[in-house]
PDB file of N, CA and C in Angstrom:
ATOM      1  N   MET A   1     144.642 118.462 122.563  1.00  0.00           N
ATOM      2  CA  MET A   1     143.407 118.764 121.848  1.00  0.00           C
ATOM      3  C   MET A   1     143.589 120.013 120.998  1.00  0.00           C
ATOM      4  N   GLU A   2     143.001 119.999 119.820  1.00  0.00           N
ATOM      5  CA  GLU A   2     143.149 121.117 118.911  1.00  0.00           C
ATOM      6  C   GLU A   2     142.198 122.236 119.295  1.00  0.00           C
ATOM      7  N   HIS A   3     142.581 123.442 118.919  1.00  0.00           N
ATOM      8  CA  HIS A   3     141.693 124.580 119.122  1.00  0.00           C
ATOM      9  C   HIS A   3     140.617 124.549 118.053  1.00  0.00           C
ATOM     10  N   PRO A   4     139.399 124.975 118.365  1.00  0.00           N
ATOM     11  CA  PRO A   4     138.317 124.937 117.379  1.00  0.00           C
ATOM     12  C   PRO A   4     138.648 125.688 116.099  1.00  0.00           C
ATOM     13  N   GLU A   5     139.468 126.751 116.193  1.00  0.00           N
ATOM     14  CA  GLU A   5     139.783 127.532 114.995  1.00  0.00           C
ATOM     15  C   GLU A   5     140.668 126.754 114.034  1.00  0.00           C
ATOM     16  N   THR A   6     141.515 125.834 114.557  1.00  0.00           N
ATOM     17  CA  THR A   6     142.466 125.123 113.705  1.00  0.00           C
ATOM     18  C   THR A   6     142.020 123.712 113.351  1.00  0.00           C
ATOM     19  N   ALA A   7     140.878 123.280 113.851  1.00  0.00           N
ATOM     20  CA  ALA A   7     140.406 121.917 113.573  1.00  0.00           C
ATOM     21  C   ALA A   7     139.985 121.798 112.119  1.00  0.00           C
ATOM     22  N   THR A   8     140.293 120.659 111.515  1.00  0.00           N
ATOM     23  CA  THR A   8     139.892 120.398 110.136  1.00  0.00           C
ATOM     24  C   THR A   8     138.404 120.054 110.095  1.00  0.00           C
ATOM     25  N   PRO A   9     137.764 120.119 108.930  1.00  0.00           N
ATOM     26  CA  PRO A   9     136.349 119.750 108.842  1.00  0.00           C
ATOM     27  C   PRO A   9     136.082 118.323 109.304  1.00  0.00           C
ATOM     28  N   ALA A  10     137.019 117.404 109.045  1.00  0.00           N
ATOM     29  CA  ALA A  10     136.831 116.015 109.484  1.00  0.00           C
ATOM     30  C   ALA A  10     136.818 115.930 111.004  1.00  0.00           C
ATOM     31  N   HIS A  11     137.694 116.687 111.663  1.00  0.00           N
ATOM     32  CA  HIS A  11     137.715 116.699 113.126  1.00  0.00           C
ATOM     33  C   HIS A  11     136.433 117.299 113.683  1.00  0.00           C
ATOM     34  N   LYS A  12     135.952 118.372 113.039  1.00  0.00           N
ATOM     35  CA  LYS A  12     134.708 119.008 113.495  1.00  0.00           C
ATOM     36  C   LYS A  12     133.534 118.052 113.357  1.00  0.00           C
ATOM     37  N   ALA A  13     133.473 117.303 112.243  1.00  0.00           N
ATOM     38  CA  ALA A  13     132.384 116.348 112.027  1.00  0.00           C
ATOM     39  C   ALA A  13     132.428 115.233 113.055  1.00  0.00           C
ATOM     40  N   ALA A  14     133.626 114.739 113.352  1.00  0.00           N
ATOM     41  CA  ALA A  14     133.765 113.682 114.349  1.00  0.00           C
ATOM     42  C   ALA A  14     133.336 114.179 115.718  1.00  0.00           C
ATOM     43  N   ALA A  15     133.691 115.394 116.053  1.00  0.00           N
ATOM     44  CA  ALA A  15     133.305 115.953 117.342  1.00  0.00           C
ATOM     45  C   ALA A  15     131.800 116.144 117.431  1.00  0.00           C
ATOM     46  N   SER A  16     131.171 116.585 116.346  1.00  0.00           N
ATOM     47  CA  SER A  16     129.723 116.791 116.399  1.00  0.00           C
ATOM     48  C   SER A  16     128.983 115.453 116.467  1.00  0.00           C
ATOM     49  N   ARG A  17     129.552 114.398 115.859  1.00  0.00           N
ATOM     50  CA  ARG A  17     128.939 113.077 115.943  1.00  0.00           C
ATOM     51  C   ARG A  17     128.942 112.575 117.379  1.00  0.00           C
ATOM     52  N   GLU A  18     130.031 112.826 118.068  1.00  0.00           N
ATOM     53  CA  GLU A  18     130.119 112.389 119.460  1.00  0.00           C
ATOM     54  C   GLU A  18     129.155 113.165 120.336  1.00  0.00           C
ATOM     55  N   ALA A  19     128.935 114.436 120.013  1.00  0.00           N
ATOM     56  CA  ALA A  19     128.102 115.277 120.851  1.00  0.00           C
ATOM     57  C   ALA A  19     126.626 115.096 120.570  1.00  0.00           C
ATOM     58  N   SER A  20     126.271 114.718 119.368  1.00  0.00           N
ATOM     59  CA  SER A  20     124.866 114.673 118.976  1.00  0.00           C
ATOM     60  C   SER A  20     124.415 113.250 118.666  1.00  0.00           C
ATOM     61  N   PRO A  21     123.417 112.740 119.413  1.00  0.00           N
ATOM     62  CA  PRO A  21     122.920 111.395 119.101  1.00  0.00           C
ATOM     63  C   PRO A  21     122.184 111.334 117.774  1.00  0.00           C
ATOM     64  N   ASP A  22     121.665 112.488 117.293  1.00  0.00           N
ATOM     65  CA  ASP A  22     120.964 112.495 116.015  1.00  0.00           C
ATOM     66  C   ASP A  22     121.899 112.215 114.853  1.00  0.00           C
ATOM     67  N   SER A  23     123.186 112.488 115.016  1.00  0.00           N
ATOM     68  CA  SER A  23     124.117 112.284 113.915  1.00  0.00           C
ATOM     69  C   SER A  23     124.394 110.800 113.670  1.00  0.00           C
ATOM     70  N   LEU A  24     123.949 109.946 114.571  1.00  0.00           N
ATOM     71  CA  LEU A  24     124.144 108.511 114.394  1.00  0.00           C
ATOM     72  C   LEU A  24     123.086 107.898 113.494  1.00  0.00           C
ATOM     73  N   ARG A  25     122.154 108.713 113.027  1.00  0.00           N
ATOM     74  CA  ARG A  25     121.103 108.210 112.147  1.00  0.00           C
ATOM     75  C   ARG A  25     121.697 107.756 110.817  1.00  0.00           C
ATOM     76  N   LEU A  26     121.033 106.783 110.226  1.00  0.00           N
ATOM     77  CA  LEU A  26     121.469 106.284 108.926  1.00  0.00           C
ATOM     78  C   LEU A  26     120.946 107.175 107.814  1.00  0.00           C
ATOM     79  N   SER A  27     121.633 107.149 106.701  1.00  0.00           N
ATOM     80  CA  SER A  27     121.146 107.835 105.515  1.00  0.00           C
ATOM     81  C   SER A  27     121.130 106.844 104.359  1.00  0.00           C
ATOM     82  N   CYS A  28     120.299 107.136 103.384  1.00  0.00           N
ATOM     83  CA  CYS A  28     120.168 106.283 102.202  1.00  0.00           C
ATOM     84  C   CYS A  28     121.510 106.213 101.485  1.00  0.00           C
ATOM     85  N   SER A  29     121.938 105.016 101.158  1.00  0.00           N
ATOM     86  CA  SER A  29     123.234 104.859 100.501  1.00  0.00           C
ATOM     87  C   SER A  29     123.192 105.284  99.038  1.00  0.00           C
ATOM     88  N   ARG A  30     121.995 105.544  98.512  1.00  0.00           N
ATOM     89  CA  ARG A  30     121.881 105.948  97.114  1.00  0.00           C
ATOM     90  C   ARG A  30     121.680 107.451  96.968  1.00  0.00           C
ATOM     91  N   CYS A  31     120.721 108.022  97.726  1.00  0.00           N
ATOM     92  CA  CYS A  31     120.410 109.448  97.571  1.00  0.00           C
ATOM     93  C   CYS A  31     120.801 110.281  98.787  1.00  0.00           C
ATOM     94  N   ALA A  32     121.284 109.645  99.844  1.00  0.00           N
ATOM     95  CA  ALA A  32     121.743 110.303 101.077  1.00  0.00           C
ATOM     96  C   ALA A  32     120.620 110.928 101.895  1.00  0.00           C
ATOM     97  N   ALA A  33     119.378 110.568 101.623  1.00  0.00           N
ATOM     98  CA  ALA A  33     118.260 111.061 102.433  1.00  0.00           C
ATOM     99  C   ALA A  33     118.321 110.419 103.811  1.00  0.00           C
ATOM    100  N   GLU A  34     117.917 111.156 104.820  1.00  0.00           N
ATOM    101  CA  GLU A  34     117.928 110.618 106.182  1.00  0.00           C
ATOM    102  C   GLU A  34     116.842 109.553 106.323  1.00  0.00           C
ATOM    103  N   LEU A  35     117.199 108.431 106.929  1.00  0.00           N
ATOM    104  CA  LEU A  35     116.258 107.331 107.135  1.00  0.00           C
ATOM    105  C   LEU A  35     115.663 107.487 108.526  1.00  0.00           C
ATOM    106  N   ARG A  36     114.448 108.011 108.595  1.00  0.00           N
ATOM    107  CA  ARG A  36     113.851 108.358 109.883  1.00  0.00           C
ATOM    108  C   ARG A  36     113.102 107.210 110.523  1.00  0.00           C
ATOM    109  N   ARG A  37     112.070 106.723 109.877  1.00  0.00           N
ATOM    110  CA  ARG A  37     111.222 105.692 110.489  1.00  0.00           C
ATOM    111  C   ARG A  37     111.644 104.281 110.139  1.00  0.00           C
ATOM    112  N   SER A  38     111.993 104.074 108.913  1.00  0.00           N
ATOM    113  CA  SER A  38     112.401 102.738 108.498  1.00  0.00           C
ATOM    114  C   SER A  38     113.357 102.844 107.321  1.00  0.00           C
ATOM    115  N   ALA A  39     114.050 101.758 107.079  1.00  0.00           N
ATOM    116  CA  ALA A  39     114.987 101.682 105.970  1.00  0.00           C
ATOM    117  C   ALA A  39     114.771 100.353 105.276  1.00  0.00           C
ATOM    118  N   TYR A  40     115.297 100.231 104.099  1.00  0.00           N
ATOM    119  CA  TYR A  40     115.160  99.013 103.317  1.00  0.00           C
ATOM    120  C   TYR A  40     116.565  98.500 103.037  1.00  0.00           C
ATOM    121  N   GLU A  41     116.841  97.299 103.545  1.00  0.00           N
ATOM    122  CA  GLU A  41     118.191  96.742 103.500  1.00  0.00           C
ATOM    123  C   GLU A  41     118.360  95.825 102.298  1.00  0.00           C
ATOM    124  N   PHE A  42     119.388  96.086 101.524  1.00  0.00           N
ATOM    125  CA  PHE A  42     119.740  95.248 100.389  1.00  0.00           C
ATOM    126  C   PHE A  42     121.194  94.850 100.541  1.00  0.00           C
ATOM    127  N   ARG A  43     121.488  93.608 100.246  1.00  0.00           N
ATOM    128  CA  ARG A  43     122.859  93.096 100.343  1.00  0.00           C
ATOM    129  C   ARG A  43     123.551  93.284  99.001  1.00  0.00           C
ATOM    130  N   LEU A  44     124.680  93.953  99.036  1.00  0.00           N
ATOM    131  CA  LEU A  44     125.490  94.155  97.843  1.00  0.00           C
ATOM    132  C   LEU A  44     126.865  93.573  98.118  1.00  0.00           C
ATOM    133  N   SER A  45     127.172  92.472  97.489  1.00  0.00           N
ATOM    134  CA  SER A  45     128.443  91.749  97.665  1.00  0.00           C
ATOM    135  C   SER A  45     128.796  91.557  99.144  1.00  0.00           C
ATOM    136  N   GLY A  46     127.806  91.092  99.897  1.00  0.00           N
ATOM    137  CA  GLY A  46     128.028  90.734 101.288  1.00  0.00           C
ATOM    138  C   GLY A  46     127.860  91.847 102.300  1.00  0.00           C
ATOM    139  N   THR A  47     127.776  93.096 101.867  1.00  0.00           N
ATOM    140  CA  THR A  47     127.599  94.191 102.810  1.00  0.00           C
ATOM    141  C   THR A  47     126.191  94.755 102.692  1.00  0.00           C
ATOM    142  N   ALA A  48     125.658  95.216 103.815  1.00  0.00           N
ATOM    143  CA  ALA A  48     124.305  95.756 103.837  1.00  0.00           C
ATOM    144  C   ALA A  48     124.312  97.203 103.358  1.00  0.00           C
ATOM    145  N   ALA A  49     123.385  97.518 102.479  1.00  0.00           N
ATOM    146  CA  ALA A  49     123.177  98.891 102.024  1.00  0.00           C
ATOM    147  C   ALA A  49     121.744  99.254 102.369  1.00  0.00           C
ATOM    148  N   PHE A  50     121.556 100.391 103.024  1.00  0.00           N
ATOM    149  CA  PHE A  50     120.222 100.827 103.428  1.00  0.00           C
ATOM    150  C   PHE A  50     119.732 101.898 102.468  1.00  0.00           C
ATOM    151  N   HIS A  51     118.448 101.773 102.073  1.00  0.00           N
ATOM    152  CA  HIS A  51     117.839 102.703 101.125  1.00  0.00           C
ATOM    153  C   HIS A  51     116.551 103.273 101.700  1.00  0.00           C
ATOM    154  N   CYS A  52     116.157 104.447 101.191  1.00  0.00           N
ATOM    155  CA  CYS A  52     114.846 105.004 101.486  1.00  0.00           C
ATOM    156  C   CYS A  52     113.822 104.260 100.607  1.00  0.00           C
ATOM    157  N   LEU A  53     112.543 104.499 100.839  1.00  0.00           N
ATOM    158  CA  LEU A  53     111.506 103.788 100.079  1.00  0.00           C
ATOM    159  C   LEU A  53     111.613 104.052  98.586  1.00  0.00           C
ATOM    160  N   ARG A  54     111.822 105.311  98.211  1.00  0.00           N
ATOM    161  CA  ARG A  54     111.908 105.654  96.788  1.00  0.00           C
ATOM    162  C   ARG A  54     113.048 104.902  96.110  1.00  0.00           C
ATOM    163  N   CYS A  55     114.206 104.872  96.746  1.00  0.00           N
ATOM    164  CA  CYS A  55     115.356 104.168  96.166  1.00  0.00           C
ATOM    165  C   CYS A  55     115.170 102.654  96.212  1.00  0.00           C
ATOM    166  N   ALA A  56     114.467 102.154  97.239  1.00  0.00           N
ATOM    167  CA  ALA A  56     114.202 100.717  97.322  1.00  0.00           C
ATOM    168  C   ALA A  56     113.299 100.276  96.168  1.00  0.00           C
ATOM    169  N   LEU A  57     112.333 101.115  95.810  1.00  0.00           N
ATOM    170  CA  LEU A  57     111.446 100.781  94.693  1.00  0.00           C
ATOM    171  C   LEU A  57     112.172 100.817  93.350  1.00  0.00           C
ATOM    172  N   MET A  58     113.263 101.558  93.280  1.00  0.00           N
ATOM    173  CA  MET A  58     114.040 101.654  92.038  1.00  0.00           C
ATOM    174  C   MET A  58     115.311 100.804  92.075  1.00  0.00           C
ATOM    175  N   HIS A  59     115.466  99.976  93.101  1.00  0.00           N
ATOM    176  CA  HIS A  59     116.649  99.118  93.223  1.00  0.00           C
ATOM    177  C   HIS A  59     116.661  98.161  92.032  1.00  0.00           C
ATOM    178  N   TRP A  60     117.676  98.253  91.176  1.00  0.00           N
ATOM    179  CA  TRP A  60     117.669  97.561  89.895  1.00  0.00           C
ATOM    180  C   TRP A  60     117.492  96.044  89.999  1.00  0.00           C
ATOM    181  N   PRO A  61     118.160  95.323  90.902  1.00  0.00           N
ATOM    182  CA  PRO A  61     117.909  93.882  90.982  1.00  0.00           C
ATOM    183  C   PRO A  61     116.454  93.544  91.336  1.00  0.00           C
ATOM    184  N   THR A  62     115.820  94.373  92.158  1.00  0.00           N
ATOM    185  CA  THR A  62     114.409  94.153  92.493  1.00  0.00           C
ATOM    186  C   THR A  62     113.529  94.417  91.276  1.00  0.00           C
ATOM    187  N   VAL A  63     113.820  95.479  90.549  1.00  0.00           N
ATOM    188  CA  VAL A  63     113.056  95.798  89.334  1.00  0.00           C
ATOM    189  C   VAL A  63     113.196  94.675  88.307  1.00  0.00           C
ATOM    190  N   GLN A  64     114.409  94.166  88.122  1.00  0.00           N
ATOM    191  CA  GLN A  64     114.641  93.081  87.162  1.00  0.00           C
ATOM    192  C   GLN A  64     113.838  91.831  87.539  1.00  0.00           C
ATOM    193  N   ARG A  65     113.893  91.467  88.811  1.00  0.00           N
ATOM    194  CA  ARG A  65     113.182  90.268  89.276  1.00  0.00           C
ATOM    195  C   ARG A  65     111.673  90.444  89.109  1.00  0.00           C
ATOM    196  N   SER A  66     111.178  91.630  89.447  1.00  0.00           N
ATOM    197  CA  SER A  66     109.746  91.894  89.320  1.00  0.00           C
ATOM    198  C   SER A  66     109.302  91.877  87.860  1.00  0.00           C
ATOM    199  N   LEU A  67     110.142  92.402  86.971  1.00  0.00           N
ATOM    200  CA  LEU A  67     109.811  92.360  85.542  1.00  0.00           C
ATOM    201  C   LEU A  67     109.756  90.929  85.024  1.00  0.00           C
ATOM    202  N   LEU A  68     110.690  90.094  85.457  1.00  0.00           N
ATOM    203  CA  LEU A  68     110.695  88.691  85.037  1.00  0.00           C
ATOM    204  C   LEU A  68     109.439  87.974  85.544  1.00  0.00           C
ATOM    205  N   ILE A  69     109.107  88.187  86.810  1.00  0.00           N
ATOM    206  CA  ILE A  69     107.901  87.569  87.376  1.00  0.00           C
ATOM    207  C   ILE A  69     106.662  88.062  86.643  1.00  0.00           C
ATOM    208  N   SER A  70     106.615  89.364  86.363  1.00  0.00           N
ATOM    209  CA  SER A  70     105.477  89.938  85.644  1.00  0.00           C
ATOM    210  C   SER A  70     105.341  89.351  84.244  1.00  0.00           C
ATOM    211  N   LEU A  71     106.461  89.150  83.572  1.00  0.00           N
ATOM    212  CA  LEU A  71     106.437  88.579  82.224  1.00  0.00           C
ATOM    213  C   LEU A  71     105.886  87.155  82.242  1.00  0.00           C
ATOM    214  N   ILE A  72     106.339  86.357  83.184  1.00  0.00           N
ATOM    215  CA  ILE A  72     105.897  84.958  83.259  1.00  0.00           C
ATOM    216  C   ILE A  72     104.441  84.866  83.699  1.00  0.00           C
ATOM    217  N   VAL A  73     104.114  85.489  84.828  1.00  0.00           N
ATOM    218  CA  VAL A  73     102.758  85.379  85.376  1.00  0.00           C
ATOM    219  C   VAL A  73     101.755  86.115  84.489  1.00  0.00           C
ATOM    220  N   GLY A  74     102.123  87.296  83.985  1.00  0.00           N
ATOM    221  CA  GLY A  74     101.224  88.053  83.112  1.00  0.00           C
ATOM    222  C   GLY A  74     100.896  87.307  81.831  1.00  0.00           C
ATOM    223  N   THR A  75     101.894  86.638  81.245  1.00  0.00           N
ATOM    224  CA  THR A  75     101.659  85.863  80.026  1.00  0.00           C
ATOM    225  C   THR A  75     100.735  84.685  80.302  1.00  0.00           C
ATOM    226  N   LEU A  76     100.984  84.010  81.410  1.00  0.00           N
ATOM    227  CA  LEU A  76     100.118  82.889  81.791  1.00  0.00           C
ATOM    228  C   LEU A  76      98.672  83.343  82.003  1.00  0.00           C
ATOM    229  N   LEU A  77      98.490  84.413  82.762  1.00  0.00           N
ATOM    230  CA  LEU A  77      97.136  84.911  83.034  1.00  0.00           C
ATOM    231  C   LEU A  77      96.458  85.425  81.771  1.00  0.00           C
ATOM    232  N   THR A  78      97.201  86.077  80.889  1.00  0.00           N
ATOM    233  CA  THR A  78      96.623  86.545  79.627  1.00  0.00           C
ATOM    234  C   THR A  78      96.184  85.367  78.771  1.00  0.00           C
ATOM    235  N   ALA A  79      97.003  84.323  78.726  1.00  0.00           N
ATOM    236  CA  ALA A  79      96.632  83.132  77.950  1.00  0.00           C
ATOM    237  C   ALA A  79      95.389  82.473  78.527  1.00  0.00           C
ATOM    238  N   ILE A  80      95.296  82.399  79.849  1.00  0.00           N
ATOM    239  CA  ILE A  80      94.135  81.761  80.482  1.00  0.00           C
ATOM    240  C   ILE A  80      92.879  82.609  80.292  1.00  0.00           C
ATOM    241  N   ASN A  81      92.989  83.909  80.564  1.00  0.00           N
ATOM    242  CA  ASN A  81      91.796  84.765  80.564  1.00  0.00           C
ATOM    243  C   ASN A  81      91.395  85.280  79.188  1.00  0.00           C
ATOM    244  N   GLN A  82      92.345  85.575  78.329  1.00  0.00           N
ATOM    245  CA  GLN A  82      92.034  86.204  77.044  1.00  0.00           C
ATOM    246  C   GLN A  82      92.495  85.374  75.851  1.00  0.00           C
ATOM    247  N   GLY A  83      93.043  84.196  76.103  1.00  0.00           N
ATOM    248  CA  GLY A  83      93.626  83.380  75.037  1.00  0.00           C
ATOM    249  C   GLY A  83      92.674  83.084  73.901  1.00  0.00           C
ATOM    250  N   ALA A  84      91.451  82.689  74.205  1.00  0.00           N
ATOM    251  CA  ALA A  84      90.481  82.343  73.158  1.00  0.00           C
ATOM    252  C   ALA A  84      90.171  83.545  72.274  1.00  0.00           C
ATOM    253  N   LEU A  85      90.019  84.719  72.884  1.00  0.00           N
ATOM    254  CA  LEU A  85      89.733  85.923  72.095  1.00  0.00           C
ATOM    255  C   LEU A  85      90.906  86.296  71.200  1.00  0.00           C
ATOM    256  N   ILE A  86      92.103  86.158  71.723  1.00  0.00           N
ATOM    257  CA  ILE A  86      93.293  86.518  70.942  1.00  0.00           C
ATOM    258  C   ILE A  86      93.489  85.548  69.781  1.00  0.00           C
ATOM    259  N   VAL A  87      93.295  84.243  70.026  1.00  0.00           N
ATOM    260  CA  VAL A  87      93.460  83.241  68.971  1.00  0.00           C
ATOM    261  C   VAL A  87      92.397  83.423  67.874  1.00  0.00           C
ATOM    262  N   GLN A  88      91.162  83.755  68.267  1.00  0.00           N
ATOM    263  CA  GLN A  88      90.089  83.973  67.292  1.00  0.00           C
ATOM    264  C   GLN A  88      90.271  85.266  66.513  1.00  0.00           C
ATOM    265  N   GLY A  89      91.104  86.151  67.037  1.00  0.00           N
ATOM    266  CA  GLY A  89      91.307  87.431  66.365  1.00  0.00           C
ATOM    267  C   GLY A  89      90.249  88.454  66.740  1.00  0.00           C
ATOM    268  N   ASP A  90      89.460  88.154  67.749  1.00  0.00           N
ATOM    269  CA  ASP A  90      88.398  89.054  68.201  1.00  0.00           C
ATOM    270  C   ASP A  90      88.985  90.014  69.243  1.00  0.00           C
ATOM    271  N   LEU A  91      89.731  91.001  68.756  1.00  0.00           N
ATOM    272  CA  LEU A  91      90.418  91.926  69.638  1.00  0.00           C
ATOM    273  C   LEU A  91      89.533  93.144  69.907  1.00  0.00           C
ATOM    274  N   SER A  92      88.954  93.174  71.080  1.00  0.00           N
ATOM    275  CA  SER A  92      88.078  94.293  71.441  1.00  0.00           C
ATOM    276  C   SER A  92      88.898  95.406  72.095  1.00  0.00           C
ATOM    277  N   ALA A  93      88.268  96.545  72.262  1.00  0.00           N
ATOM    278  CA  ALA A  93      88.928  97.688  72.900  1.00  0.00           C
ATOM    279  C   ALA A  93      89.233  97.397  74.367  1.00  0.00           C
ATOM    280  N   ASN A  94      88.478  96.498  74.982  1.00  0.00           N
ATOM    281  CA  ASN A  94      88.722  96.147  76.381  1.00  0.00           C
ATOM    282  C   ASN A  94      90.094  95.516  76.587  1.00  0.00           C
ATOM    283  N   LEU A  95      90.571  94.792  75.590  1.00  0.00           N
ATOM    284  CA  LEU A  95      91.888  94.161  75.720  1.00  0.00           C
ATOM    285  C   LEU A  95      93.005  95.196  75.830  1.00  0.00           C
ATOM    286  N   ALA A  96      92.759  96.403  75.322  1.00  0.00           N
ATOM    287  CA  ALA A  96      93.778  97.454  75.366  1.00  0.00           C
ATOM    288  C   ALA A  96      94.128  97.853  76.794  1.00  0.00           C
ATOM    289  N   TRP A  97      93.215  97.703  77.722  1.00  0.00           N
ATOM    290  CA  TRP A  97      93.528  97.993  79.124  1.00  0.00           C
ATOM    291  C   TRP A  97      93.618  96.734  79.974  1.00  0.00           C
ATOM    292  N   GLN A  98      92.957  95.654  79.582  1.00  0.00           N
ATOM    293  CA  GLN A  98      92.982  94.429  80.384  1.00  0.00           C
ATOM    294  C   GLN A  98      94.339  93.729  80.340  1.00  0.00           C
ATOM    295  N   VAL A  99      94.942  93.653  79.175  1.00  0.00           N
ATOM    296  CA  VAL A  99      96.220  92.950  79.041  1.00  0.00           C
ATOM    297  C   VAL A  99      97.345  93.691  79.782  1.00  0.00           C
ATOM    298  N   PRO A 100      97.507  95.013  79.607  1.00  0.00           N
ATOM    299  CA  PRO A 100      98.550  95.690  80.393  1.00  0.00           C
ATOM    300  C   PRO A 100      98.320  95.580  81.903  1.00  0.00           C
ATOM    301  N   LEU A 101      97.079  95.634  82.318  1.00  0.00           N
ATOM    302  CA  LEU A 101      96.767  95.485  83.739  1.00  0.00           C
ATOM    303  C   LEU A 101      97.114  94.085  84.231  1.00  0.00           C
ATOM    304  N   THR A 102      96.953  93.094  83.369  1.00  0.00           N
ATOM    305  CA  THR A 102      97.295  91.713  83.715  1.00  0.00           C
ATOM    306  C   THR A 102      98.801  91.571  83.964  1.00  0.00           C
ATOM    307  N   TYR A 103      99.622  92.383  83.317  1.00  0.00           N
ATOM    308  CA  TYR A 103     101.064  92.374  83.552  1.00  0.00           C
ATOM    309  C   TYR A 103     101.448  93.284  84.727  1.00  0.00           C
ATOM    310  N   LEU A 104     100.705  94.366  84.927  1.00  0.00           N
ATOM    311  CA  LEU A 104     101.033  95.317  85.979  1.00  0.00           C
ATOM    312  C   LEU A 104     100.803  94.740  87.378  1.00  0.00           C
ATOM    313  N   VAL A 105      99.749  93.977  87.564  1.00  0.00           N
ATOM    314  CA  VAL A 105      99.424  93.439  88.891  1.00  0.00           C
ATOM    315  C   VAL A 105     100.529  92.512  89.418  1.00  0.00           C
ATOM    316  N   PRO A 106     101.028  91.528  88.670  1.00  0.00           N
ATOM    317  CA  PRO A 106     102.117  90.708  89.201  1.00  0.00           C
ATOM    318  C   PRO A 106     103.395  91.512  89.464  1.00  0.00           C
ATOM    319  N   TYR A 107     103.658  92.549  88.650  1.00  0.00           N
ATOM    320  CA  TYR A 107     104.820  93.397  88.892  1.00  0.00           C
ATOM    321  C   TYR A 107     104.695  94.098  90.243  1.00  0.00           C
ATOM    322  N   CYS A 108     103.530  94.673  90.506  1.00  0.00           N
ATOM    323  CA  CYS A 108     103.312  95.377  91.775  1.00  0.00           C
ATOM    324  C   CYS A 108     103.390  94.423  92.962  1.00  0.00           C
ATOM    325  N   VAL A 109     102.796  93.256  92.845  1.00  0.00           N
ATOM    326  CA  VAL A 109     102.816  92.283  93.943  1.00  0.00           C
ATOM    327  C   VAL A 109     104.250  91.831  94.236  1.00  0.00           C
ATOM    328  N   ALA A 110     105.017  91.539  93.209  1.00  0.00           N
ATOM    329  CA  ALA A 110     106.403  91.094  93.398  1.00  0.00           C
ATOM    330  C   ALA A 110     107.258  92.206  94.002  1.00  0.00           C
ATOM    331  N   THR A 111     107.069  93.430  93.538  1.00  0.00           N
ATOM    332  CA  THR A 111     107.856  94.554  94.046  1.00  0.00           C
ATOM    333  C   THR A 111     107.505  94.861  95.498  1.00  0.00           C
ATOM    334  N   ILE A 112     106.224  94.918  95.805  1.00  0.00           N
ATOM    335  CA  ILE A 112     105.797  95.204  97.176  1.00  0.00           C
ATOM    336  C   ILE A 112     106.282  94.109  98.119  1.00  0.00           C
ATOM    337  N   GLY A 113     106.204  92.861  97.698  1.00  0.00           N
ATOM    338  CA  GLY A 113     106.693  91.760  98.524  1.00  0.00           C
ATOM    339  C   GLY A 113     108.177  91.862  98.798  1.00  0.00           C
ATOM    340  N   ALA A 114     108.968  92.202  97.782  1.00  0.00           N
ATOM    341  CA  ALA A 114     110.420  92.320  97.953  1.00  0.00           C
ATOM    342  C   ALA A 114     110.776  93.497  98.856  1.00  0.00           C
ATOM    343  N   VAL A 115     110.096  94.623  98.665  1.00  0.00           N
ATOM    344  CA  VAL A 115     110.400  95.813  99.463  1.00  0.00           C
ATOM    345  C   VAL A 115     109.975  95.612 100.916  1.00  0.00           C
ATOM    346  N   LEU A 116     108.820  95.014 101.147  1.00  0.00           N
ATOM    347  CA  LEU A 116     108.382  94.756 102.520  1.00  0.00           C
ATOM    348  C   LEU A 116     109.306  93.753 103.206  1.00  0.00           C
ATOM    349  N   ASN A 117     109.826  92.813 102.469  1.00  0.00           N
ATOM    350  CA  ASN A 117     110.770  91.854 103.033  1.00  0.00           C
ATOM    351  C   ASN A 117     112.095  92.522 103.420  1.00  0.00           C
ATOM    352  N   ALA A 118     112.475  93.570 102.697  1.00  0.00           N
ATOM    353  CA  ALA A 118     113.728  94.270 102.964  1.00  0.00           C
ATOM    354  C   ALA A 118     113.575  95.360 104.031  1.00  0.00           C
ATOM    355  N   ARG A 119     112.351  95.632 104.477  1.00  0.00           N
ATOM    356  CA  ARG A 119     112.102  96.725 105.430  1.00  0.00           C
ATOM    357  C   ARG A 119     112.688  96.414 106.800  1.00  0.00           C
ATOM    358  N   ARG A 120     113.338  97.412 107.363  1.00  0.00           N
ATOM    359  CA  ARG A 120     113.870  97.335 108.721  1.00  0.00           C
ATOM    360  C   ARG A 120     113.310  98.498 109.502  1.00  0.00           C
ATOM    361  N   SER A 121     112.842  98.234 110.718  1.00  0.00           N
ATOM    362  CA  SER A 121     112.263  99.282 111.555  1.00  0.00           C
ATOM    363  C   SER A 121     113.349 100.003 112.330  1.00  0.00           C
ATOM    364  N   ASN A 122     112.953 101.056 113.072  1.00  0.00           N
ATOM    365  CA  ASN A 122     113.909 101.806 113.886  1.00  0.00           C
ATOM    366  C   ASN A 122     114.620 100.926 114.889  1.00  0.00           C
ATOM    367  N   VAL A 123     113.908  99.980 115.496  1.00  0.00           N
ATOM    368  CA  VAL A 123     114.510  99.105 116.497  1.00  0.00           C
ATOM    369  C   VAL A 123     115.617  98.285 115.867  1.00  0.00           C
ATOM    370  N   GLU A 124     115.371  97.747 114.692  1.00  0.00           N
ATOM    371  CA  GLU A 124     116.377  96.938 114.012  1.00  0.00           C
ATOM    372  C   GLU A 124     117.529  97.802 113.518  1.00  0.00           C
ATOM    373  N   LEU A 125     117.239  99.072 113.174  1.00  0.00           N
ATOM    374  CA  LEU A 125     118.289  99.968 112.683  1.00  0.00           C
ATOM    375  C   LEU A 125     119.228 100.382 113.806  1.00  0.00           C
ATOM    376  N   ASP A 126     118.711 100.512 115.020  1.00  0.00           N
ATOM    377  CA  ASP A 126     119.548 100.896 116.155  1.00  0.00           C
ATOM    378  C   ASP A 126     120.631  99.884 116.419  1.00  0.00           C
ATOM    379  N   HIS A 127     120.380  98.624 116.077  1.00  0.00           N
ATOM    380  CA  HIS A 127     121.341  97.561 116.346  1.00  0.00           C
ATOM    381  C   HIS A 127     122.215  97.261 115.141  1.00  0.00           C
ATOM    382  N   ALA A 128     122.002  97.955 114.029  1.00  0.00           N
ATOM    383  CA  ALA A 128     122.776  97.697 112.798  1.00  0.00           C
ATOM    384  C   ALA A 128     124.171  98.272 112.881  1.00  0.00           C
TER     385      ALA A 128
END
């Protein structure tokens, strides 16, 4: 066994991991924040990557999918709800906030659904 004075930083880290159960906690694979209560699991080329909530909300494949869903559903809802006004050319000031909101709601629903589906609790993280 090495003396503490001559141990390398890697040896010291390994020794502290063995001594401390807290060091077995997961950290976000993107920002390195400690994952305390829950983590969000995303598969990247077959391996699991765990993220904090902030990084999960900014996970690019999730953002892309949510934008696509928002574009399709928002366009459909705008055509159904405001189509007659837009075709007639009767563009009121209300459309300035109604149309963006019509696109924002499907984006939020798709994103929240994807993030909640990726959520893993402490119990599930202990077995990861």
